[in-house]
């Protein structure tokens, strides 16, 4: 009996029910089209990671000269709960944890400011990278380049100078980073006997190379209402350029780099 009454009621109000279902479907479609889309959930982890790079220093020196001063500077940041650090040859990493609910954007800025105050006490050329642990900062797409005809250094140059600009111009791309490969460099192997015969030291070779490989502004020239900038452009771009570099000159003659050293092309360690 109750089933018959329910069926009769549905039959009598079928148009109203269909209209209500249609409104719900339209509202659902409209809401779905306006929902935000993200690859990862919006989670703000209360952690900041600091990466330090100081060349090829041993792990003991990294812990004493780099890791410890940075730890002492970061401990003054408000809201810090605990901190863990690892030191290895030439690099160190600090994991800094805060309370849940901390404004991590502000905490990251405070950590960066604290490290900036400690930078004068760190070894020269120390590189610092401060980033907060957010799923959106991790890479989502990776490309690998391999070739049987091109070297690792050529593949690195291809990725760095051709692919990175193209990918960076893609809408929505925040950062493109190249890892791996090899970077070319010139190696100068000085012969101690030849250097001593020329009465020179290794520091003389380093100073001569630094003074010869420069691009700097030398002044300006004004003529006929035009201003021309004078630039000294003398980069060392080949093995022959390095070999012809003058290390010292005197009344007895000129000493070139090729006279006291062997110059070869290689890749960075």
C-alpha atoms as a PDB file:
ATOM      1  CA  UNK A   1       0.000   0.000   0.000  1.00  0.00           C
ATOM      2  CA  UNK A   2       2.783   2.426   0.931  1.00  0.00           C
ATOM      3  CA  UNK A   3       4.666   1.503  -2.222  1.00  0.00           C
ATOM      4  CA  UNK A   4       1.660   2.371  -4.352  1.00  0.00           C
ATOM      5  CA  UNK A   5       1.305   5.729  -2.635  1.00  0.00           C
ATOM      6  CA  UNK A   6       5.000   6.558  -3.159  1.00  0.00           C
ATOM      7  CA  UNK A   7       4.770   5.572  -6.812  1.00  0.00           C
ATOM      8  CA  UNK A   8       1.675   7.694  -7.245  1.00  0.00           C
ATOM      9  CA  UNK A   9       3.375  10.680  -5.591  1.00  0.00           C
ATOM     10  CA  UNK A  10       6.449  10.347  -7.819  1.00  0.00           C
ATOM     11  CA  UNK A  11       4.202  10.054 -10.870  1.00  0.00           C
ATOM     12  CA  UNK A  12       2.300  13.189  -9.865  1.00  0.00           C
ATOM     13  CA  UNK A  13       5.502  15.238  -9.218  1.00  0.00           C
ATOM     14  CA  UNK A  14       7.739  13.795 -11.907  1.00  0.00           C
ATOM     15  CA  UNK A  15       8.218  17.125 -13.691  1.00  0.00           C
ATOM     16  CA  UNK A  16       9.191  18.906 -10.497  1.00  0.00           C
ATOM     17  CA  UNK A  17      11.643  16.159  -9.609  1.00  0.00           C
ATOM     18  CA  UNK A  18      13.193  16.170 -13.082  1.00  0.00           C
ATOM     19  CA  UNK A  19      13.517  19.955 -12.908  1.00  0.00           C
ATOM     20  CA  UNK A  20      15.243  19.730  -9.495  1.00  0.00           C
ATOM     21  CA  UNK A  21      17.632  17.043 -10.779  1.00  0.00           C
ATOM     22  CA  UNK A  22      18.446  19.173 -13.816  1.00  0.00           C
ATOM     23  CA  UNK A  23      19.219  22.170 -11.576  1.00  0.00           C
ATOM     24  CA  UNK A  24      21.495  20.025  -9.410  1.00  0.00           C
ATOM     25  CA  UNK A  25      23.326  18.701 -12.473  1.00  0.00           C
ATOM     26  CA  UNK A  26      23.821  22.209 -13.897  1.00  0.00           C
ATOM     27  CA  UNK A  27      25.062  23.485 -10.527  1.00  0.00           C
ATOM     28  CA  UNK A  28      27.476  20.544 -10.284  1.00  0.00           C
ATOM     29  CA  UNK A  29      28.914  21.166 -13.746  1.00  0.00           C
ATOM     30  CA  UNK A  30      29.295  24.905 -13.068  1.00  0.00           C
ATOM     31  CA  UNK A  31      31.036  24.223  -9.748  1.00  0.00           C
ATOM     32  CA  UNK A  32      33.337  21.630 -11.287  1.00  0.00           C
ATOM     33  CA  UNK A  33      34.450  24.051 -13.989  1.00  0.00           C
ATOM     34  CA  UNK A  34      35.432  26.616 -11.363  1.00  0.00           C
ATOM     35  CA  UNK A  35      37.287  24.231  -9.044  1.00  0.00           C
ATOM     36  CA  UNK A  36      41.012  25.033  -8.697  1.00  0.00           C
ATOM     37  CA  UNK A  37      43.330  22.487 -10.288  1.00  0.00           C
ATOM     38  CA  UNK A  38      46.701  21.667  -8.755  1.00  0.00           C
ATOM     39  CA  UNK A  39      49.182  18.856  -9.228  1.00  0.00           C
ATOM     40  CA  UNK A  40      49.878  18.574  -5.498  1.00  0.00           C
ATOM     41  CA  UNK A  41      47.708  19.361  -2.474  1.00  0.00           C
ATOM     42  CA  UNK A  42      48.253  22.733  -0.843  1.00  0.00           C
ATOM     43  CA  UNK A  43      50.192  21.593   2.213  1.00  0.00           C
ATOM     44  CA  UNK A  44      52.588  23.912   4.027  1.00  0.00           C
ATOM     45  CA  UNK A  45      55.106  21.727   5.826  1.00  0.00           C
ATOM     46  CA  UNK A  46      56.783  23.507   8.785  1.00  0.00           C
ATOM     47  CA  UNK A  47      60.295  22.797   7.522  1.00  0.00           C
ATOM     48  CA  UNK A  48      62.998  24.872   5.863  1.00  0.00           C
ATOM     49  CA  UNK A  49      66.013  23.261   4.195  1.00  0.00           C
ATOM     50  CA  UNK A  50      69.313  25.136   3.850  1.00  0.00           C
ATOM     51  CA  UNK A  51      71.942  23.835   1.398  1.00  0.00           C
ATOM     52  CA  UNK A  52      75.535  25.087   1.692  1.00  0.00           C
ATOM     53  CA  UNK A  53      78.311  24.680  -0.878  1.00  0.00           C
ATOM     54  CA  UNK A  54      81.906  25.651  -0.090  1.00  0.00           C
ATOM     55  CA  UNK A  55      83.951  23.982  -2.811  1.00  0.00           C
ATOM     56  CA  UNK A  56      86.103  20.964  -1.968  1.00  0.00           C
ATOM     57  CA  UNK A  57      86.676  21.513   1.735  1.00  0.00           C
ATOM     58  CA  UNK A  58      86.957  18.378   3.894  1.00  0.00           C
ATOM     59  CA  UNK A  59      83.964  17.399   5.977  1.00  0.00           C
ATOM     60  CA  UNK A  60      85.713  18.368   9.223  1.00  0.00           C
ATOM     61  CA  UNK A  61      86.364  21.903   7.970  1.00  0.00           C
ATOM     62  CA  UNK A  62      82.806  22.159   6.641  1.00  0.00           C
ATOM     63  CA  UNK A  63      81.405  21.274  10.058  1.00  0.00           C
ATOM     64  CA  UNK A  64      83.659  23.796  11.844  1.00  0.00           C
ATOM     65  CA  UNK A  65      83.825  26.719   9.410  1.00  0.00           C
ATOM     66  CA  UNK A  66      80.423  26.531   7.708  1.00  0.00           C
ATOM     67  CA  UNK A  67      77.831  24.345   9.414  1.00  0.00           C
ATOM     68  CA  UNK A  68      78.446  25.500  13.008  1.00  0.00           C
ATOM     69  CA  UNK A  69      78.287  29.291  12.301  1.00  0.00           C
ATOM     70  CA  UNK A  70      75.106  28.853  10.261  1.00  0.00           C
ATOM     71  CA  UNK A  71      73.516  26.766  13.022  1.00  0.00           C
ATOM     72  CA  UNK A  72      74.324  29.429  15.603  1.00  0.00           C
ATOM     73  CA  UNK A  73      72.809  32.130  13.394  1.00  0.00           C
ATOM     74  CA  UNK A  74      69.642  30.181  12.593  1.00  0.00           C
ATOM     75  CA  UNK A  75      68.923  29.240  16.221  1.00  0.00           C
ATOM     76  CA  UNK A  76      67.914  32.861  16.849  1.00  0.00           C
ATOM     77  CA  UNK A  77      64.932  32.561  14.487  1.00  0.00           C
ATOM     78  CA  UNK A  78      61.635  32.688  16.474  1.00  0.00           C
ATOM     79  CA  UNK A  79      59.470  29.571  16.464  1.00  0.00           C
ATOM     80  CA  UNK A  80      62.271  27.106  15.739  1.00  0.00           C
ATOM     81  CA  UNK A  81      61.555  23.679  17.266  1.00  0.00           C
ATOM     82  CA  UNK A  82      64.617  21.613  16.310  1.00  0.00           C
ATOM     83  CA  UNK A  83      67.327  21.445  13.678  1.00  0.00           C
ATOM     84  CA  UNK A  84      69.371  18.666  12.086  1.00  0.00           C
ATOM     85  CA  UNK A  85      72.490  19.089   9.977  1.00  0.00           C
ATOM     86  CA  UNK A  86      74.737  16.895   7.885  1.00  0.00           C
ATOM     87  CA  UNK A  87      78.200  17.881   6.666  1.00  0.00           C
ATOM     88  CA  UNK A  88      80.109  16.227   3.838  1.00  0.00           C
ATOM     89  CA  UNK A  89      82.998  17.157   1.595  1.00  0.00           C
ATOM     90  CA  UNK A  90      82.306  20.651   0.248  1.00  0.00           C
ATOM     91  CA  UNK A  91      78.616  20.700   1.190  1.00  0.00           C
ATOM     92  CA  UNK A  92      76.264  20.756   4.151  1.00  0.00           C
ATOM     93  CA  UNK A  93      72.513  20.620   4.633  1.00  0.00           C
ATOM     94  CA  UNK A  94      70.372  21.876   7.497  1.00  0.00           C
ATOM     95  CA  UNK A  95      66.771  20.763   8.121  1.00  0.00           C
ATOM     96  CA  UNK A  96      64.985  23.324  10.305  1.00  0.00           C
ATOM     97  CA  UNK A  97      61.611  22.373  11.815  1.00  0.00           C
ATOM     98  CA  UNK A  98      58.965  24.797  13.089  1.00  0.00           C
ATOM     99  CA  UNK A  99      55.594  24.388  14.820  1.00  0.00           C
ATOM    100  CA  UNK A 100      52.600  23.445  12.701  1.00  0.00           C
ATOM    101  CA  UNK A 101      50.653  26.546  11.786  1.00  0.00           C
ATOM    102  CA  UNK A 102      53.738  28.752  11.500  1.00  0.00           C
ATOM    103  CA  UNK A 103      53.726  31.272   8.669  1.00  0.00           C
ATOM    104  CA  UNK A 104      56.392  29.499   6.602  1.00  0.00           C
ATOM    105  CA  UNK A 105      56.815  32.360   4.125  1.00  0.00           C
ATOM    106  CA  UNK A 106      57.837  34.656   6.974  1.00  0.00           C
ATOM    107  CA  UNK A 107      59.909  31.935   8.653  1.00  0.00           C
ATOM    108  CA  UNK A 108      61.834  31.341   5.423  1.00  0.00           C
ATOM    109  CA  UNK A 109      62.602  35.047   5.132  1.00  0.00           C
ATOM    110  CA  UNK A 110      63.806  35.124   8.748  1.00  0.00           C
ATOM    111  CA  UNK A 111      66.088  32.127   8.151  1.00  0.00           C
ATOM    112  CA  UNK A 112      67.462  33.781   5.016  1.00  0.00           C
ATOM    113  CA  UNK A 113      68.101  37.024   6.916  1.00  0.00           C
ATOM    114  CA  UNK A 114      69.869  35.193   9.754  1.00  0.00           C
ATOM    115  CA  UNK A 115      72.178  33.397   7.313  1.00  0.00           C
ATOM    116  CA  UNK A 116      72.888  36.682   5.497  1.00  0.00           C
ATOM    117  CA  UNK A 117      74.178  38.141   8.763  1.00  0.00           C
ATOM    118  CA  UNK A 118      76.520  35.170   9.165  1.00  0.00           C
ATOM    119  CA  UNK A 119      77.831  35.261   5.578  1.00  0.00           C
ATOM    120  CA  UNK A 120      80.853  37.531   6.345  1.00  0.00           C
ATOM    121  CA  UNK A 121      82.189  34.883   8.747  1.00  0.00           C
ATOM    122  CA  UNK A 122      81.867  32.032   6.234  1.00  0.00           C
ATOM    123  CA  UNK A 123      84.639  31.057   3.788  1.00  0.00           C
ATOM    124  CA  UNK A 124      84.721  33.100   0.562  1.00  0.00           C
ATOM    125  CA  UNK A 125      82.581  31.920  -2.363  1.00  0.00           C
ATOM    126  CA  UNK A 126      80.227  29.950  -0.098  1.00  0.00           C
ATOM    127  CA  UNK A 127      76.886  29.374  -1.834  1.00  0.00           C
ATOM    128  CA  UNK A 128      73.641  29.235   0.165  1.00  0.00           C
ATOM    129  CA  UNK A 129      70.237  27.990  -0.973  1.00  0.00           C
ATOM    130  CA  UNK A 130      67.252  28.421   1.372  1.00  0.00           C
ATOM    131  CA  UNK A 131      63.965  26.768   0.434  1.00  0.00           C
ATOM    132  CA  UNK A 132      60.876  25.664   2.329  1.00  0.00           C
ATOM    133  CA  UNK A 133      59.483  22.182   1.919  1.00  0.00           C
ATOM    134  CA  UNK A 134      56.488  22.679  -0.331  1.00  0.00           C
ATOM    135  CA  UNK A 135      55.310  20.031  -2.824  1.00  0.00           C
ATOM    136  CA  UNK A 136      55.057  22.704  -5.497  1.00  0.00           C
ATOM    137  CA  UNK A 137      58.826  23.378  -5.451  1.00  0.00           C
ATOM    138  CA  UNK A 138      59.750  19.852  -6.512  1.00  0.00           C
ATOM    139  CA  UNK A 139      60.232  19.083 -10.207  1.00  0.00           C
ATOM    140  CA  UNK A 140      57.310  17.436 -11.946  1.00  0.00           C
ATOM    141  CA  UNK A 141      58.874  16.650 -15.339  1.00  0.00           C
ATOM    142  CA  UNK A 142      62.419  15.495 -16.083  1.00  0.00           C
ATOM    143  CA  UNK A 143      64.098  15.073 -19.473  1.00  0.00           C
ATOM    144  CA  UNK A 144      67.237  13.015 -20.053  1.00  0.00           C
ATOM    145  CA  UNK A 145      69.588  13.734 -22.945  1.00  0.00           C
ATOM    146  CA  UNK A 146      71.757  10.956 -24.364  1.00  0.00           C
ATOM    147  CA  UNK A 147      73.811  10.806 -27.535  1.00  0.00           C
ATOM    148  CA  UNK A 148      76.334   8.554 -29.253  1.00  0.00           C
ATOM    149  CA  UNK A 149      77.765  11.448 -31.286  1.00  0.00           C
ATOM    150  CA  UNK A 150      77.956  14.313 -28.788  1.00  0.00           C
ATOM    151  CA  UNK A 151      79.972  14.480 -25.581  1.00  0.00           C
ATOM    152  CA  UNK A 152      78.563  15.117 -22.111  1.00  0.00           C
ATOM    153  CA  UNK A 153      79.786  18.732 -22.215  1.00  0.00           C
ATOM    154  CA  UNK A 154      78.036  19.340 -25.555  1.00  0.00           C
ATOM    155  CA  UNK A 155      74.814  17.916 -24.144  1.00  0.00           C
ATOM    156  CA  UNK A 156      75.142  20.202 -21.105  1.00  0.00           C
ATOM    157  CA  UNK A 157      75.572  23.269 -23.333  1.00  0.00           C
ATOM    158  CA  UNK A 158      72.578  22.189 -25.414  1.00  0.00           C
ATOM    159  CA  UNK A 159      70.397  21.857 -22.328  1.00  0.00           C
ATOM    160  CA  UNK A 160      71.634  25.038 -20.630  1.00  0.00           C
ATOM    161  CA  UNK A 161      71.658  27.454 -23.555  1.00  0.00           C
ATOM    162  CA  UNK A 162      68.899  26.097 -25.837  1.00  0.00           C
ATOM    163  CA  UNK A 163      66.404  23.988 -23.929  1.00  0.00           C
ATOM    164  CA  UNK A 164      66.273  26.029 -20.722  1.00  0.00           C
ATOM    165  CA  UNK A 165      65.230  29.291 -22.476  1.00  0.00           C
ATOM    166  CA  UNK A 166      62.582  27.427 -24.484  1.00  0.00           C
ATOM    167  CA  UNK A 167      61.106  25.633 -21.477  1.00  0.00           C
ATOM    168  CA  UNK A 168      61.268  28.749 -19.278  1.00  0.00           C
ATOM    169  CA  UNK A 169      58.986  30.550 -21.719  1.00  0.00           C
ATOM    170  CA  UNK A 170      56.245  27.937 -21.317  1.00  0.00           C
ATOM    171  CA  UNK A 171      53.230  29.336 -19.401  1.00  0.00           C
ATOM    172  CA  UNK A 172      53.101  28.002 -15.845  1.00  0.00           C
ATOM    173  CA  UNK A 173      56.758  26.976 -15.660  1.00  0.00           C
ATOM    174  CA  UNK A 174      58.366  28.477 -12.561  1.00  0.00           C
ATOM    175  CA  UNK A 175      61.919  27.145 -12.818  1.00  0.00           C
ATOM    176  CA  UNK A 176      64.038  24.963 -15.070  1.00  0.00           C
ATOM    177  CA  UNK A 177      67.247  23.462 -13.701  1.00  0.00           C
ATOM    178  CA  UNK A 178      70.002  21.465 -15.409  1.00  0.00           C
ATOM    179  CA  UNK A 179      71.754  18.693 -13.499  1.00  0.00           C
ATOM    180  CA  UNK A 180      74.407  16.227 -14.558  1.00  0.00           C
ATOM    181  CA  UNK A 181      76.476  16.381 -17.716  1.00  0.00           C
ATOM    182  CA  UNK A 182      79.911  17.976 -17.817  1.00  0.00           C
ATOM    183  CA  UNK A 183      81.252  21.521 -18.159  1.00  0.00           C
ATOM    184  CA  UNK A 184      84.375  22.233 -20.173  1.00  0.00           C
ATOM    185  CA  UNK A 185      87.420  23.894 -18.670  1.00  0.00           C
ATOM    186  CA  UNK A 186      91.069  24.549 -19.509  1.00  0.00           C
ATOM    187  CA  UNK A 187      93.674  22.862 -17.342  1.00  0.00           C
ATOM    188  CA  UNK A 188      97.044  24.476 -16.739  1.00  0.00           C
ATOM    189  CA  UNK A 189      99.661  22.065 -15.371  1.00  0.00           C
ATOM    190  CA  UNK A 190     102.685  24.104 -14.350  1.00  0.00           C
ATOM    191  CA  UNK A 191     106.150  22.536 -14.499  1.00  0.00           C
ATOM    192  CA  UNK A 192     107.880  23.421 -11.183  1.00  0.00           C
ATOM    193  CA  UNK A 193     111.369  23.145 -12.703  1.00  0.00           C
ATOM    194  CA  UNK A 194     110.604  25.529 -15.575  1.00  0.00           C
ATOM    195  CA  UNK A 195     108.835  27.902 -13.224  1.00  0.00           C
ATOM    196  CA  UNK A 196     111.826  27.983 -10.880  1.00  0.00           C
ATOM    197  CA  UNK A 197     114.213  28.502 -13.814  1.00  0.00           C
ATOM    198  CA  UNK A 198     112.196  31.558 -14.805  1.00  0.00           C
ATOM    199  CA  UNK A 199     112.364  32.767 -11.180  1.00  0.00           C
ATOM    200  CA  UNK A 200     108.584  32.838 -10.866  1.00  0.00           C
ATOM    201  CA  UNK A 201     106.047  31.495  -8.378  1.00  0.00           C
ATOM    202  CA  UNK A 202     102.676  29.853  -8.849  1.00  0.00           C
ATOM    203  CA  UNK A 203     101.000  33.035  -7.624  1.00  0.00           C
ATOM    204  CA  UNK A 204     102.563  34.921 -10.558  1.00  0.00           C
ATOM    205  CA  UNK A 205     100.859  32.524 -12.970  1.00  0.00           C
ATOM    206  CA  UNK A 206      97.498  32.953 -11.243  1.00  0.00           C
ATOM    207  CA  UNK A 207      97.760  36.757 -11.261  1.00  0.00           C
ATOM    208  CA  UNK A 208      98.760  36.850 -14.923  1.00  0.00           C
ATOM    209  CA  UNK A 209      95.823  34.657 -15.944  1.00  0.00           C
ATOM    210  CA  UNK A 210      93.363  36.714 -13.916  1.00  0.00           C
ATOM    211  CA  UNK A 211      94.667  39.964 -15.430  1.00  0.00           C
ATOM    212  CA  UNK A 212      94.568  38.609 -18.990  1.00  0.00           C
ATOM    213  CA  UNK A 213      91.046  37.158 -18.908  1.00  0.00           C
ATOM    214  CA  UNK A 214      88.905  40.263 -18.333  1.00  0.00           C
ATOM    215  CA  UNK A 215      85.940  42.133 -19.766  1.00  0.00           C
ATOM    216  CA  UNK A 216      85.765  45.569 -18.170  1.00  0.00           C
ATOM    217  CA  UNK A 217      84.843  49.152 -18.921  1.00  0.00           C
ATOM    218  CA  UNK A 218      87.846  51.365 -19.646  1.00  0.00           C
ATOM    219  CA  UNK A 219      86.142  54.727 -20.072  1.00  0.00           C
ATOM    220  CA  UNK A 220      84.133  56.739 -22.578  1.00  0.00           C
ATOM    221  CA  UNK A 221      84.695  58.996 -25.570  1.00  0.00           C
ATOM    222  CA  UNK A 222      82.493  61.952 -26.497  1.00  0.00           C
ATOM    223  CA  UNK A 223      82.590  63.053 -30.129  1.00  0.00           C
ATOM    224  CA  UNK A 224      80.024  64.885 -32.317  1.00  0.00           C
ATOM    225  CA  UNK A 225      77.317  64.692 -29.670  1.00  0.00           C
ATOM    226  CA  UNK A 226      77.775  60.951 -29.370  1.00  0.00           C
ATOM    227  CA  UNK A 227      78.936  59.007 -26.355  1.00  0.00           C
ATOM    228  CA  UNK A 228      80.965  55.853 -27.021  1.00  0.00           C
ATOM    229  CA  UNK A 229      81.834  53.414 -24.273  1.00  0.00           C
ATOM    230  CA  UNK A 230      85.297  51.841 -24.331  1.00  0.00           C
ATOM    231  CA  UNK A 231      85.442  48.214 -23.196  1.00  0.00           C
ATOM    232  CA  UNK A 232      88.509  46.052 -22.679  1.00  0.00           C
ATOM    233  CA  UNK A 233      87.516  42.646 -24.037  1.00  0.00           C
ATOM    234  CA  UNK A 234      90.305  40.082 -23.773  1.00  0.00           C
ATOM    235  CA  UNK A 235      88.841  36.686 -22.880  1.00  0.00           C
ATOM    236  CA  UNK A 236      90.999  33.593 -23.164  1.00  0.00           C
ATOM    237  CA  UNK A 237      89.015  31.407 -25.555  1.00  0.00           C
ATOM    238  CA  UNK A 238      91.470  28.726 -26.702  1.00  0.00           C
ATOM    239  CA  UNK A 239      94.562  26.766 -25.753  1.00  0.00           C
ATOM    240  CA  UNK A 240      96.689  29.007 -27.985  1.00  0.00           C
ATOM    241  CA  UNK A 241      95.411  32.126 -26.208  1.00  0.00           C
ATOM    242  CA  UNK A 242      96.441  30.645 -22.889  1.00  0.00           C
ATOM    243  CA  UNK A 243      99.842  29.561 -24.201  1.00  0.00           C
ATOM    244  CA  UNK A 244     100.582  33.101 -25.475  1.00  0.00           C
ATOM    245  CA  UNK A 245      99.680  34.725 -22.145  1.00  0.00           C
ATOM    246  CA  UNK A 246     102.625  36.747 -20.835  1.00  0.00           C
ATOM    247  CA  UNK A 247     103.587  35.727 -17.321  1.00  0.00           C
ATOM    248  CA  UNK A 248     106.587  38.009 -16.906  1.00  0.00           C
ATOM    249  CA  UNK A 249     108.690  40.354 -19.004  1.00  0.00           C
ATOM    250  CA  UNK A 250     112.141  41.769 -18.340  1.00  0.00           C
ATOM    251  CA  UNK A 251     115.259  42.890 -20.120  1.00  0.00           C
ATOM    252  CA  UNK A 252     116.246  39.267 -20.652  1.00  0.00           C
ATOM    253  CA  UNK A 253     113.035  38.352 -22.451  1.00  0.00           C
ATOM    254  CA  UNK A 254     109.377  37.469 -22.131  1.00  0.00           C
ATOM    255  CA  UNK A 255     108.030  34.377 -20.389  1.00  0.00           C
ATOM    256  CA  UNK A 256     104.788  32.975 -21.787  1.00  0.00           C
ATOM    257  CA  UNK A 257     102.500  30.522 -20.027  1.00  0.00           C
ATOM    258  CA  UNK A 258     103.291  27.878 -22.646  1.00  0.00           C
ATOM    259  CA  UNK A 259     106.967  28.079 -21.645  1.00  0.00           C
ATOM    260  CA  UNK A 260     106.327  26.902 -18.076  1.00  0.00           C
ATOM    261  CA  UNK A 261     103.094  24.895 -18.262  1.00  0.00           C
ATOM    262  CA  UNK A 262     101.183  22.312 -20.251  1.00  0.00           C
ATOM    263  CA  UNK A 263      97.693  23.425 -21.276  1.00  0.00           C
ATOM    264  CA  UNK A 264      94.914  20.983 -22.130  1.00  0.00           C
ATOM    265  CA  UNK A 265      91.145  20.975 -22.464  1.00  0.00           C
ATOM    266  CA  UNK A 266      89.086  18.934 -20.029  1.00  0.00           C
ATOM    267  CA  UNK A 267      85.954  18.970 -17.891  1.00  0.00           C
ATOM    268  CA  UNK A 268      85.271  20.129 -14.370  1.00  0.00           C
ATOM    269  CA  UNK A 269      85.666  17.460 -11.684  1.00  0.00           C
END
